[in-house]
């Protein structure tokens, strides 16, 4: 099977279920942003040191869940093919990881900036893209039916990446980069 079909050469793409929409459609923007996040998670995984096997394995799981969200968003909302991919247990697992990492960290007393190391900065990039994906899906939900649980997952995922960035700093022995307010 060829990777190119030429059916999108005029600026439209097909949803799962057959409906065609413009490539600038908010649904396409939504799952495209989820795909972008997934790609950056792959980059983050490649930059994590080999001692972080649990984190790497969990991030691979997150990538699969993001594919699930992408599949949900790529399905025509009126199609009988529509199904739920994300479940409350997926969110609970994210929350467990967040809580486990936070227990090992000092409470925040300042705003922090992305940076410190490449992996920390990439975790912050993933956090920011997760927030953007959430905003896109929320906007889509204003006009069309979207599974609210996908929004909850993306919201919690951005929290996870914030805490992961701090946890990586802790593991790497790097202090959080504190925001210095202009005086």
C-alpha atoms as a PDB file:
ATOM      1  CA  UNK A   1       0.000   0.000   0.000  1.00  0.00           C
ATOM      2  CA  UNK A   2       1.347   3.419  -0.920  1.00  0.00           C
ATOM      3  CA  UNK A   3       1.662   6.111   1.749  1.00  0.00           C
ATOM      4  CA  UNK A   4       0.226   8.730  -0.583  1.00  0.00           C
ATOM      5  CA  UNK A   5      -3.312   8.574  -1.930  1.00  0.00           C
ATOM      6  CA  UNK A   6      -3.529  11.992  -3.627  1.00  0.00           C
ATOM      7  CA  UNK A   7      -7.050  12.375  -2.194  1.00  0.00           C
ATOM      8  CA  UNK A   8      -5.848  15.230  -0.004  1.00  0.00           C
ATOM      9  CA  UNK A   9      -4.161  17.218  -2.734  1.00  0.00           C
ATOM     10  CA  UNK A  10      -7.032  19.693  -2.877  1.00  0.00           C
ATOM     11  CA  UNK A  11      -6.953  20.559   0.826  1.00  0.00           C
ATOM     12  CA  UNK A  12      -9.360  18.009   2.252  1.00  0.00           C
ATOM     13  CA  UNK A  13      -8.867  14.852   4.275  1.00  0.00           C
ATOM     14  CA  UNK A  14     -11.062  11.933   5.201  1.00  0.00           C
ATOM     15  CA  UNK A  15     -12.278  11.168   8.690  1.00  0.00           C
ATOM     16  CA  UNK A  16     -12.597   7.573   9.835  1.00  0.00           C
ATOM     17  CA  UNK A  17     -16.102   6.786   8.685  1.00  0.00           C
ATOM     18  CA  UNK A  18     -15.740   8.444   5.283  1.00  0.00           C
ATOM     19  CA  UNK A  19     -16.692  12.109   5.765  1.00  0.00           C
ATOM     20  CA  UNK A  20     -14.308  14.592   4.103  1.00  0.00           C
ATOM     21  CA  UNK A  21     -13.368  17.869   5.776  1.00  0.00           C
ATOM     22  CA  UNK A  22     -10.932  20.691   5.104  1.00  0.00           C
ATOM     23  CA  UNK A  23      -7.416  20.196   6.390  1.00  0.00           C
ATOM     24  CA  UNK A  24      -7.885  23.406   8.365  1.00  0.00           C
ATOM     25  CA  UNK A  25     -10.929  21.952  10.170  1.00  0.00           C
ATOM     26  CA  UNK A  26     -10.738  22.258  13.952  1.00  0.00           C
ATOM     27  CA  UNK A  27     -11.084  18.477  14.257  1.00  0.00           C
ATOM     28  CA  UNK A  28      -7.959  18.038  12.114  1.00  0.00           C
ATOM     29  CA  UNK A  29      -6.149  20.740  14.102  1.00  0.00           C
ATOM     30  CA  UNK A  30      -7.124  18.921  17.302  1.00  0.00           C
ATOM     31  CA  UNK A  31      -5.803  15.507  16.399  1.00  0.00           C
ATOM     32  CA  UNK A  32      -2.844  17.075  14.617  1.00  0.00           C
ATOM     33  CA  UNK A  33      -1.849  18.774  17.865  1.00  0.00           C
ATOM     34  CA  UNK A  34      -2.240  15.467  19.714  1.00  0.00           C
ATOM     35  CA  UNK A  35       0.035  13.896  17.084  1.00  0.00           C
ATOM     36  CA  UNK A  36       2.573  16.702  17.540  1.00  0.00           C
ATOM     37  CA  UNK A  37       2.557  16.046  21.290  1.00  0.00           C
ATOM     38  CA  UNK A  38       3.077  12.351  20.648  1.00  0.00           C
ATOM     39  CA  UNK A  39       6.108  13.110  18.478  1.00  0.00           C
ATOM     40  CA  UNK A  40       7.669  15.287  21.168  1.00  0.00           C
ATOM     41  CA  UNK A  41       7.069  12.551  23.738  1.00  0.00           C
ATOM     42  CA  UNK A  42       9.049  10.231  21.463  1.00  0.00           C
ATOM     43  CA  UNK A  43      11.872  12.764  21.460  1.00  0.00           C
ATOM     44  CA  UNK A  44      11.668  13.077  25.252  1.00  0.00           C
ATOM     45  CA  UNK A  45      11.883   9.287  25.639  1.00  0.00           C
ATOM     46  CA  UNK A  46      15.001   9.249  23.455  1.00  0.00           C
ATOM     47  CA  UNK A  47      16.656  11.828  25.735  1.00  0.00           C
ATOM     48  CA  UNK A  48      15.904  10.104  29.060  1.00  0.00           C
ATOM     49  CA  UNK A  49      18.805   8.277  30.652  1.00  0.00           C
ATOM     50  CA  UNK A  50      18.714   4.496  30.835  1.00  0.00           C
ATOM     51  CA  UNK A  51      18.017   4.473  34.588  1.00  0.00           C
ATOM     52  CA  UNK A  52      14.528   5.873  33.936  1.00  0.00           C
ATOM     53  CA  UNK A  53      13.065   2.638  32.563  1.00  0.00           C
ATOM     54  CA  UNK A  54       9.768   3.028  34.441  1.00  0.00           C
ATOM     55  CA  UNK A  55       9.311   6.539  33.053  1.00  0.00           C
ATOM     56  CA  UNK A  56      10.174   5.417  29.520  1.00  0.00           C
ATOM     57  CA  UNK A  57       7.682   2.539  29.716  1.00  0.00           C
ATOM     58  CA  UNK A  58       4.970   4.797  31.090  1.00  0.00           C
ATOM     59  CA  UNK A  59       5.570   7.406  28.389  1.00  0.00           C
ATOM     60  CA  UNK A  60       5.188   4.671  25.756  1.00  0.00           C
ATOM     61  CA  UNK A  61       1.817   3.889  27.338  1.00  0.00           C
ATOM     62  CA  UNK A  62       0.930   7.594  27.188  1.00  0.00           C
ATOM     63  CA  UNK A  63       1.821   7.604  23.496  1.00  0.00           C
ATOM     64  CA  UNK A  64      -0.618   4.744  22.912  1.00  0.00           C
ATOM     65  CA  UNK A  65      -3.358   6.589  24.804  1.00  0.00           C
ATOM     66  CA  UNK A  66      -2.706   9.663  22.653  1.00  0.00           C
ATOM     67  CA  UNK A  67      -3.131   7.492  19.562  1.00  0.00           C
ATOM     68  CA  UNK A  68      -6.459   6.433  21.079  1.00  0.00           C
ATOM     69  CA  UNK A  69      -7.474  10.083  21.473  1.00  0.00           C
ATOM     70  CA  UNK A  70      -6.313  10.790  17.929  1.00  0.00           C
ATOM     71  CA  UNK A  71      -8.416   7.894  16.649  1.00  0.00           C
ATOM     72  CA  UNK A  72     -11.422   9.208  18.541  1.00  0.00           C
ATOM     73  CA  UNK A  73     -10.938  12.703  17.142  1.00  0.00           C
ATOM     74  CA  UNK A  74     -10.311  11.374  13.618  1.00  0.00           C
ATOM     75  CA  UNK A  75     -13.622   9.508  13.600  1.00  0.00           C
ATOM     76  CA  UNK A  76     -16.669  11.160  12.089  1.00  0.00           C
ATOM     77  CA  UNK A  77     -18.780  12.023  15.161  1.00  0.00           C
ATOM     78  CA  UNK A  78     -21.911  10.810  13.333  1.00  0.00           C
ATOM     79  CA  UNK A  79     -20.335   7.476  12.429  1.00  0.00           C
ATOM     80  CA  UNK A  80     -21.386   4.184  13.969  1.00  0.00           C
ATOM     81  CA  UNK A  81     -17.646   3.475  14.203  1.00  0.00           C
ATOM     82  CA  UNK A  82     -17.314   5.991  17.060  1.00  0.00           C
ATOM     83  CA  UNK A  83     -16.224   4.359  20.327  1.00  0.00           C
ATOM     84  CA  UNK A  84     -14.694   5.297  23.653  1.00  0.00           C
ATOM     85  CA  UNK A  85     -10.959   4.762  23.854  1.00  0.00           C
ATOM     86  CA  UNK A  86      -9.963   6.568  27.058  1.00  0.00           C
ATOM     87  CA  UNK A  87     -11.320   5.419  30.413  1.00  0.00           C
ATOM     88  CA  UNK A  88     -11.268   6.810  33.941  1.00  0.00           C
ATOM     89  CA  UNK A  89      -8.580   4.305  34.917  1.00  0.00           C
ATOM     90  CA  UNK A  90      -6.243   5.987  32.394  1.00  0.00           C
ATOM     91  CA  UNK A  91      -6.673   9.264  34.273  1.00  0.00           C
ATOM     92  CA  UNK A  92      -6.260   7.559  37.644  1.00  0.00           C
ATOM     93  CA  UNK A  93      -2.944   6.086  36.494  1.00  0.00           C
ATOM     94  CA  UNK A  94      -1.735   9.561  35.481  1.00  0.00           C
ATOM     95  CA  UNK A  95      -2.758  10.870  38.895  1.00  0.00           C
ATOM     96  CA  UNK A  96      -0.883   8.041  40.638  1.00  0.00           C
ATOM     97  CA  UNK A  97       2.304   8.944  38.778  1.00  0.00           C
ATOM     98  CA  UNK A  98       1.819  12.632  39.577  1.00  0.00           C
ATOM     99  CA  UNK A  99       1.317  11.862  43.277  1.00  0.00           C
ATOM    100  CA  UNK A 100       4.299   9.481  43.408  1.00  0.00           C
ATOM    101  CA  UNK A 101       6.632  12.063  41.880  1.00  0.00           C
ATOM    102  CA  UNK A 102       5.306  14.917  43.995  1.00  0.00           C
ATOM    103  CA  UNK A 103       5.946  12.968  47.199  1.00  0.00           C
ATOM    104  CA  UNK A 104       9.652  13.045  46.310  1.00  0.00           C
ATOM    105  CA  UNK A 105       9.790  16.777  45.541  1.00  0.00           C
ATOM    106  CA  UNK A 106      10.056  19.879  47.651  1.00  0.00           C
ATOM    107  CA  UNK A 107       6.894  21.998  47.554  1.00  0.00           C
ATOM    108  CA  UNK A 108       7.064  24.816  45.012  1.00  0.00           C
ATOM    109  CA  UNK A 109       7.545  28.290  46.432  1.00  0.00           C
ATOM    110  CA  UNK A 110       8.248  30.041  43.122  1.00  0.00           C
ATOM    111  CA  UNK A 111       7.168  29.866  39.527  1.00  0.00           C
ATOM    112  CA  UNK A 112       9.705  27.878  37.537  1.00  0.00           C
ATOM    113  CA  UNK A 113      10.993  28.252  33.997  1.00  0.00           C
ATOM    114  CA  UNK A 114      11.457  25.492  31.445  1.00  0.00           C
ATOM    115  CA  UNK A 115      15.078  24.406  31.310  1.00  0.00           C
ATOM    116  CA  UNK A 116      17.882  22.959  33.344  1.00  0.00           C
ATOM    117  CA  UNK A 117      18.636  20.101  30.954  1.00  0.00           C
ATOM    118  CA  UNK A 118      17.429  18.882  27.587  1.00  0.00           C
ATOM    119  CA  UNK A 119      15.087  16.276  29.084  1.00  0.00           C
ATOM    120  CA  UNK A 120      13.610  18.753  31.582  1.00  0.00           C
ATOM    121  CA  UNK A 121      13.030  21.313  28.828  1.00  0.00           C
ATOM    122  CA  UNK A 122      11.413  18.648  26.616  1.00  0.00           C
ATOM    123  CA  UNK A 123       9.062  17.645  29.438  1.00  0.00           C
ATOM    124  CA  UNK A 124       8.004  21.307  29.585  1.00  0.00           C
ATOM    125  CA  UNK A 125       7.540  21.376  25.790  1.00  0.00           C
ATOM    126  CA  UNK A 126       5.272  18.322  26.149  1.00  0.00           C
ATOM    127  CA  UNK A 127       3.375  20.118  28.931  1.00  0.00           C
ATOM    128  CA  UNK A 128       2.810  23.181  26.752  1.00  0.00           C
ATOM    129  CA  UNK A 129       1.722  21.155  23.709  1.00  0.00           C
ATOM    130  CA  UNK A 130      -0.600  19.111  25.909  1.00  0.00           C
ATOM    131  CA  UNK A 131      -2.243  22.351  27.050  1.00  0.00           C
ATOM    132  CA  UNK A 132      -2.586  23.485  23.430  1.00  0.00           C
ATOM    133  CA  UNK A 133      -4.116  20.133  22.462  1.00  0.00           C
ATOM    134  CA  UNK A 134      -6.551  20.507  25.340  1.00  0.00           C
ATOM    135  CA  UNK A 135      -7.527  24.003  24.143  1.00  0.00           C
ATOM    136  CA  UNK A 136      -8.066  22.723  20.587  1.00  0.00           C
ATOM    137  CA  UNK A 137     -10.263  19.843  21.760  1.00  0.00           C
ATOM    138  CA  UNK A 138     -12.238  22.177  24.052  1.00  0.00           C
ATOM    139  CA  UNK A 139     -12.806  24.526  21.096  1.00  0.00           C
ATOM    140  CA  UNK A 140     -13.911  21.592  18.941  1.00  0.00           C
ATOM    141  CA  UNK A 141     -16.315  20.551  21.688  1.00  0.00           C
ATOM    142  CA  UNK A 142     -18.038  23.930  21.445  1.00  0.00           C
ATOM    143  CA  UNK A 143     -19.273  23.004  17.956  1.00  0.00           C
ATOM    144  CA  UNK A 144     -19.233  19.215  17.840  1.00  0.00           C
ATOM    145  CA  UNK A 145     -19.566  16.241  20.121  1.00  0.00           C
ATOM    146  CA  UNK A 146     -16.254  15.223  21.707  1.00  0.00           C
ATOM    147  CA  UNK A 147     -15.693  12.835  24.556  1.00  0.00           C
ATOM    148  CA  UNK A 148     -15.176  14.961  27.663  1.00  0.00           C
ATOM    149  CA  UNK A 149     -12.858  12.322  29.085  1.00  0.00           C
ATOM    150  CA  UNK A 150     -10.354  13.164  26.320  1.00  0.00           C
ATOM    151  CA  UNK A 151     -10.258  16.741  27.616  1.00  0.00           C
ATOM    152  CA  UNK A 152      -9.782  15.524  31.190  1.00  0.00           C
ATOM    153  CA  UNK A 153      -6.960  13.223  30.067  1.00  0.00           C
ATOM    154  CA  UNK A 154      -5.143  16.026  28.233  1.00  0.00           C
ATOM    155  CA  UNK A 155      -5.579  18.355  31.205  1.00  0.00           C
ATOM    156  CA  UNK A 156      -4.158  15.793  33.613  1.00  0.00           C
ATOM    157  CA  UNK A 157      -1.407  14.932  31.146  1.00  0.00           C
ATOM    158  CA  UNK A 158      -0.149  18.512  31.161  1.00  0.00           C
ATOM    159  CA  UNK A 159      -0.044  18.330  34.975  1.00  0.00           C
ATOM    160  CA  UNK A 160       1.895  15.086  34.670  1.00  0.00           C
ATOM    161  CA  UNK A 161       4.487  16.683  32.384  1.00  0.00           C
ATOM    162  CA  UNK A 162       4.934  19.617  34.760  1.00  0.00           C
ATOM    163  CA  UNK A 163       5.597  17.263  37.660  1.00  0.00           C
ATOM    164  CA  UNK A 164       7.734  14.989  35.458  1.00  0.00           C
ATOM    165  CA  UNK A 165       9.931  17.971  34.552  1.00  0.00           C
ATOM    166  CA  UNK A 166      10.440  18.702  38.249  1.00  0.00           C
ATOM    167  CA  UNK A 167      11.059  15.020  38.973  1.00  0.00           C
ATOM    168  CA  UNK A 168      13.665  14.838  36.199  1.00  0.00           C
ATOM    169  CA  UNK A 169      15.415  17.859  37.708  1.00  0.00           C
ATOM    170  CA  UNK A 170      15.406  16.057  41.061  1.00  0.00           C
ATOM    171  CA  UNK A 171      16.806  12.834  39.556  1.00  0.00           C
ATOM    172  CA  UNK A 172      19.431  14.754  37.571  1.00  0.00           C
ATOM    173  CA  UNK A 173      20.444  16.787  40.637  1.00  0.00           C
ATOM    174  CA  UNK A 174      19.472  20.063  38.981  1.00  0.00           C
ATOM    175  CA  UNK A 175      17.681  22.854  40.801  1.00  0.00           C
ATOM    176  CA  UNK A 176      14.420  24.130  39.332  1.00  0.00           C
ATOM    177  CA  UNK A 177      15.048  27.258  37.267  1.00  0.00           C
ATOM    178  CA  UNK A 178      13.155  29.915  39.219  1.00  0.00           C
ATOM    179  CA  UNK A 179      11.366  32.805  37.573  1.00  0.00           C
ATOM    180  CA  UNK A 180      12.947  36.122  38.473  1.00  0.00           C
ATOM    181  CA  UNK A 181      10.261  38.782  38.494  1.00  0.00           C
ATOM    182  CA  UNK A 182      11.282  42.174  37.181  1.00  0.00           C
ATOM    183  CA  UNK A 183      11.585  44.596  40.059  1.00  0.00           C
END
